[in-house]
Each structure stands twice: as structure tokens, then as C-alpha cells.
Amino acid sequence: MLDILYIDDYLAIVHKPAGWLVHRTPLDKGETRFVLQALRDQIGRSVWPLHRLDKGTSGVLAFALDAQTARTMGLRFESGEGLHKTYRAIVRGWPGDVGLIDHALKRMPDDMRSEREEVQAAQTAYTTLRRGEWPLTQAGFATTRWAEVQLQPLTGRRHQLRRHMKHIAHPIIGDATHGKGPLNRTLAAHMGFHRLWLHAWRLELRHPVRDTALQIEAPLPPEWELWHTPAVATV
């Protein structure tokens, strides 16, 4: 059963588990876990997803409960009007304390249209929350450095956070597409757990009818505690 973080007559906001798809897609025919279907069955009514999270990402995911709300909120999510998203991630290495990644991104192949610009401006703000080091030899280094960061996408591009962290040489751990395979495998074997270490922690938005401010948070999943074990040296 999904953890419902907020629900009224217009919106349902849930905590998406890592490894679940938002909805069915021919790109992953073998998957059987879909948030849309599970939520629809759980609350007994139709739902419309307002945005997407990658399969490996956990955290806050919003749905509309009627077609009009879906249209209204869909436009807001597309433009970013009145929306603020905050993510947590575990990345390779030690980024600076704070930074702004201002790096344009090319549209993904399945999102290209002749009438659209191929390259889009993209910005992500980050803050390093803590740094750690594990005694694991990797890529010629005697230890493996990692950091927990807070990420705020100022634009909404496909895979923006994953691509931006790769761009500054601090890829998100567990990212099979934009990360480092040997590092991912070494850490997964050491921890006994594998996932994309990216979590949609907070969503701030205006209610579509009442125009009140909503701030919804999804607690960090239990596996995040693996980065707080005594085996981790933090600085």
C-alpha cells in the first residue's frame, strides 16, 4: 500500500517507492509495479500524474483527482509557476559547500520535436549537507569519498539532476546511466544494497482551488541510514 502524504477532493500526493514506475511504459515491459495503478486501486477513483519521477527515484509524487485539476496543475508543473522542488542525493566525491550549475541540456531523443529547441537552458542549485569517506579502494584512490547534497532544480528538464551532477564530476551514486559503474558496484557490494540514491524530499505548491500554500515532505527512506553507520567517517 502506498504512503499517502496528502489527499483532498482535488489532489493526492504520495511517497513513491524507489524501483516503481509512475505508469506503464513499453520501455520497461517487465515491470509490474506502477504508482498510478496502485493509487487508483487504493483510493477507488481515477488519478492523473502531474509530473514524473525516474523509476529509481523515491519521494514526493503528485496526482490530480479530476480532469480540470489535471489541466490547471499540469500547466503549472510545465512552467514551474509557484512550484519549488527539493531533492536529497548521495554523490561521488566532495562538492563545494554551495553552488549553481548553469549548464544547458539537450533534449532526450524521445522528447525531440521539429518545432522545439533542441538544447534547453537548465539550472540546479546545490548545498552540501555532509561529507564522508569509506575505506574502499576505487580508481587508484585509497578511499572512496561521498557527500550528501540538497538539490533544487530551477528548471525542469529530463534527468536534469542526474545529468547536472555528472557534469560537475559528482555523479549520483547508483546512477547506471550517468554515473560510474565500477563505483556503483563496489558500494552496492559493500553496503549490501543497491538503488539510485536520489530522493524527492519536498514539494511546495499552491492549491489549485483554495490557492493556499502546500508544503509536502517525504521522509528519507530507511536505507538512507546506511550512510550513517559507524563504518562511515564524516567530516
Protein backbone atom coordinates (compact mmCIF):
# COMPACT_ATOMS: atom_id res chain seq x y z
CA MET A 1 0.00 0.00 0.00
CA LEU A 2 1.29 3.46 -0.91
CA ASP A 3 2.04 6.03 1.77
CA ILE A 4 -0.36 8.93 1.05
CA LEU A 5 1.20 12.19 2.24
CA TYR A 6 -1.77 14.45 1.37
CA ILE A 7 -5.22 13.96 -0.10
CA ASP A 8 -8.38 16.05 -0.59
CA ASP A 9 -11.04 16.29 -3.32
CA TYR A 10 -8.54 17.59 -5.89
CA LEU A 11 -5.05 16.29 -5.15
CA ALA A 12 -3.37 13.13 -3.93
CA ILE A 13 0.32 13.28 -3.08
CA VAL A 14 2.16 10.06 -2.30
CA HIS A 15 5.57 8.78 -1.31
CA LYS A 16 6.78 6.89 -4.40
CA PRO A 17 8.98 3.89 -3.54
CA ALA A 18 12.30 3.54 -5.35
CA GLY A 19 12.08 0.97 -8.15
CA TRP A 20 8.44 1.73 -9.06
CA LEU A 21 7.36 3.24 -12.37
CA VAL A 22 4.89 6.13 -12.32
CA HIS A 23 2.86 4.40 -15.06
CA ARG A 24 3.20 1.65 -17.64
CA THR A 25 5.67 2.17 -20.45
CA PRO A 26 6.81 -0.02 -23.36
CA LEU A 27 10.39 0.89 -22.42
CA ASP A 28 10.15 -1.35 -19.33
CA LYS A 29 7.76 -4.15 -20.22
CA GLY A 30 8.91 -6.43 -17.42
CA GLU A 31 7.99 -4.09 -14.57
CA THR A 32 4.84 -4.87 -12.58
CA ARG A 33 4.79 -2.05 -10.00
CA PHE A 34 3.08 1.18 -11.08
CA VAL A 35 2.20 4.06 -8.76
CA LEU A 36 -0.74 5.24 -10.89
CA GLN A 37 -2.47 1.84 -10.85
CA ALA A 38 -1.72 1.23 -7.16
CA LEU A 39 -3.06 4.64 -6.10
CA ARG A 40 -6.17 4.29 -8.26
CA ASP A 41 -6.93 0.93 -6.68
CA GLN A 42 -6.14 2.17 -3.18
CA ILE A 43 -8.47 5.21 -3.22
CA GLY A 44 -11.02 3.85 -5.70
CA ARG A 45 -11.01 6.68 -8.23
CA SER A 46 -9.23 7.88 -11.37
CA VAL A 47 -5.93 9.74 -10.97
CA TRP A 48 -3.78 11.87 -13.27
CA PRO A 49 0.01 12.16 -12.68
CA LEU A 50 1.13 15.80 -12.58
CA HIS A 51 4.85 15.15 -13.03
CA ARG A 52 7.32 12.29 -13.29
CA LEU A 53 9.99 10.72 -11.15
CA ASP A 54 12.50 8.27 -12.59
CA LYS A 55 11.98 4.63 -11.70
CA GLY A 56 14.92 4.63 -9.31
CA THR A 57 13.93 7.87 -7.54
CA SER A 58 11.84 7.80 -4.38
CA GLY A 59 9.81 10.58 -2.81
CA VAL A 60 7.02 13.12 -3.29
CA LEU A 61 4.81 12.46 -6.34
CA ALA A 62 1.61 14.44 -7.04
CA PHE A 63 -1.60 13.38 -8.79
CA ALA A 64 -4.79 15.23 -9.74
CA LEU A 65 -8.13 13.65 -8.93
CA ASP A 66 -10.16 15.22 -11.75
CA ALA A 67 -9.53 16.34 -15.33
CA GLN A 68 -9.85 20.09 -14.64
CA THR A 69 -7.32 19.98 -11.81
CA ALA A 70 -5.03 17.94 -14.06
CA ARG A 71 -5.18 20.66 -16.72
CA THR A 72 -4.66 23.51 -14.25
CA MET A 73 -1.82 21.90 -12.34
CA GLY A 74 -0.29 20.37 -15.45
CA LEU A 75 0.33 23.86 -16.83
CA ARG A 76 1.88 24.95 -13.53
CA PHE A 77 4.19 21.96 -13.41
CA GLU A 78 5.19 22.55 -17.02
CA SER A 79 6.00 26.23 -16.42
CA GLY A 80 7.28 25.86 -12.86
CA GLU A 81 4.90 28.60 -11.70
CA GLY A 82 4.56 28.58 -7.91
CA LEU A 83 6.45 25.30 -7.58
CA HIS A 84 9.57 24.51 -5.62
CA LYS A 85 11.13 21.05 -5.54
CA THR A 86 13.89 19.93 -3.20
CA TYR A 87 15.77 16.65 -3.50
CA ARG A 88 18.36 14.78 -1.46
CA ALA A 89 21.11 12.75 -3.10
CA ILE A 90 24.31 10.88 -2.30
CA VAL A 91 27.06 11.74 -4.78
CA ARG A 92 30.62 10.75 -5.51
CA GLY A 93 33.37 12.98 -4.15
CA TRP A 94 33.19 16.19 -2.15
CA PRO A 95 31.41 19.08 -3.93
CA GLY A 96 31.78 22.65 -2.71
CA ASP A 97 29.62 23.89 0.13
CA VAL A 98 27.13 25.59 -2.22
CA GLY A 99 26.91 26.11 -5.96
CA LEU A 100 24.78 26.80 -9.00
CA ILE A 101 25.05 24.52 -12.02
CA ASP A 102 24.13 26.55 -15.10
CA HIS A 103 24.50 24.11 -17.95
CA ALA A 104 22.16 23.76 -20.95
CA LEU A 105 20.87 20.26 -21.69
CA LYS A 106 19.99 18.64 -24.98
CA ARG A 107 16.51 17.15 -25.15
CA MET A 108 16.31 13.39 -24.74
CA PRO A 109 15.79 11.54 -28.05
CA ASP A 110 12.17 10.61 -27.26
CA ASP A 111 11.36 14.27 -26.42
CA MET A 112 12.62 15.86 -29.62
CA ARG A 113 10.19 17.59 -32.00
CA SER A 114 10.96 19.62 -35.12
CA GLU A 115 9.22 22.69 -33.67
CA ARG A 116 11.13 22.57 -30.33
CA GLU A 117 14.53 23.91 -29.44
CA GLU A 118 16.95 21.01 -29.24
CA VAL A 119 19.00 22.49 -26.38
CA GLN A 120 17.32 23.96 -23.28
CA ALA A 121 18.69 26.21 -20.56
CA ALA A 122 18.94 24.38 -17.24
CA GLN A 123 19.93 25.42 -13.72
CA THR A 124 20.32 23.49 -10.47
CA ALA A 125 21.28 24.89 -7.06
CA TYR A 126 23.03 22.59 -4.62
CA THR A 127 24.11 22.62 -0.98
CA THR A 128 26.44 20.03 0.54
CA LEU A 129 24.96 18.79 3.80
CA ARG A 130 27.77 16.48 4.89
CA ARG A 131 30.79 14.66 3.56
CA GLY A 132 32.01 11.15 4.25
CA GLU A 133 34.73 8.70 3.34
CA TRP A 134 34.80 4.92 3.21
CA PRO A 135 37.97 2.78 3.26
CA LEU A 136 37.28 1.36 -0.19
CA THR A 137 39.95 1.49 -2.88
CA GLN A 138 38.48 2.90 -6.09
CA ALA A 139 40.02 4.17 -9.35
CA GLY A 140 43.50 4.36 -7.86
CA PHE A 141 42.42 6.14 -4.67
CA ALA A 142 42.89 4.55 -1.25
CA THR A 143 39.46 5.68 -0.05
CA THR A 144 36.06 6.47 -1.54
CA ARG A 145 34.69 9.93 -0.85
CA TRP A 146 30.97 10.70 -0.94
CA ALA A 147 28.67 13.54 0.04
CA GLU A 148 25.00 14.05 0.86
CA VAL A 149 23.65 17.05 -1.05
CA GLN A 150 20.43 19.00 -1.28
CA LEU A 151 19.40 19.79 -4.85
CA GLN A 152 16.90 22.35 -6.11
CA PRO A 153 16.12 22.25 -9.84
CA LEU A 154 15.38 25.80 -11.00
CA THR A 155 14.23 24.41 -14.35
CA GLY A 156 12.50 21.14 -15.18
CA ARG A 157 14.47 19.17 -17.75
CA ARG A 158 14.52 15.40 -18.23
CA HIS A 159 17.06 13.74 -15.93
CA GLN A 160 18.27 17.24 -15.05
CA LEU A 161 19.68 16.46 -11.60
CA ARG A 162 21.43 13.30 -12.73
CA ARG A 163 22.93 14.99 -15.79
CA HIS A 164 23.96 18.12 -13.91
CA MET A 165 25.74 16.19 -11.16
CA LYS A 166 27.59 14.21 -13.79
CA HIS A 167 28.55 17.50 -15.48
CA ILE A 168 30.35 18.73 -12.34
CA ALA A 169 32.05 15.32 -11.85
CA HIS A 170 29.98 14.38 -8.79
CA PRO A 171 27.54 11.80 -10.24
CA ILE A 172 24.74 10.43 -8.09
CA ILE A 173 25.69 7.05 -6.67
CA GLY A 174 23.69 4.20 -8.12
CA ASP A 175 23.01 6.03 -11.40
CA ALA A 176 23.52 3.37 -14.07
CA THR A 177 23.16 5.84 -16.96
CA HIS A 178 25.04 8.93 -15.84
CA GLY A 179 27.18 7.53 -13.02
CA LYS A 180 30.25 5.37 -12.61
CA GLY A 181 29.58 1.63 -12.99
CA PRO A 182 32.62 0.30 -11.08
CA LEU A 183 31.96 2.69 -8.18
CA ASN A 184 28.27 1.78 -8.07
CA ARG A 185 29.08 -1.94 -7.99
CA THR A 186 31.77 -1.55 -5.31
CA LEU A 187 29.49 0.44 -3.00
CA ALA A 188 26.49 -1.83 -3.60
CA ALA A 189 28.58 -4.89 -2.69
CA HIS A 190 29.98 -3.17 0.42
CA MET A 191 26.58 -1.95 1.64
CA GLY A 192 24.58 -4.98 0.55
CA PHE A 193 22.05 -2.64 -1.04
CA HIS A 194 21.65 -1.06 -4.46
CA ARG A 195 19.47 1.83 -5.56
CA LEU A 196 19.67 5.22 -7.24
CA TRP A 197 20.47 7.47 -4.27
CA LEU A 198 18.10 10.26 -5.26
CA HIS A 199 15.04 11.21 -3.22
CA ALA A 200 12.35 13.85 -3.92
CA TRP A 201 12.23 15.21 -0.38
CA ARG A 202 9.94 18.26 -0.55
CA LEU A 203 7.33 19.74 -2.91
CA GLU A 204 5.97 23.26 -2.39
CA LEU A 205 2.95 24.34 -4.46
CA ARG A 206 -0.26 26.39 -4.45
CA HIS A 207 -3.55 24.54 -4.09
CA PRO A 208 -5.45 24.57 -7.43
CA VAL A 209 -8.76 25.68 -5.88
CA ARG A 210 -8.08 27.26 -2.49
CA ASP A 211 -4.81 28.93 -3.59
CA THR A 212 -3.28 28.09 -0.22
CA ALA A 213 0.37 27.12 0.11
CA LEU A 214 1.13 23.42 0.48
CA GLN A 215 4.47 22.04 1.61
CA ILE A 216 4.67 18.26 1.41
CA GLU A 217 7.67 16.24 2.56
CA ALA A 218 8.51 12.57 2.12
CA PRO A 219 10.80 11.30 4.90
CA LEU A 220 14.11 9.84 3.79
CA PRO A 221 13.71 6.08 3.21
CA PRO A 222 15.07 3.73 5.90
CA GLU A 223 18.01 2.67 3.72
CA TRP A 224 19.40 6.20 3.96
CA GLU A 225 20.59 5.17 7.43
CA LEU A 226 23.24 3.02 5.72
CA TRP A 227 25.17 6.26 5.21
CA HIS A 228 25.07 6.94 8.97
CA THR A 229 26.66 3.67 10.07
CA PRO A 230 29.88 3.59 12.15
CA ALA A 231 31.71 2.38 9.04
CA VAL A 232 31.34 5.88 7.63
CA ALA A 233 33.78 8.61 8.55
CA THR A 234 32.16 12.04 8.20
CA VAL A 235 33.71 15.46 8.07
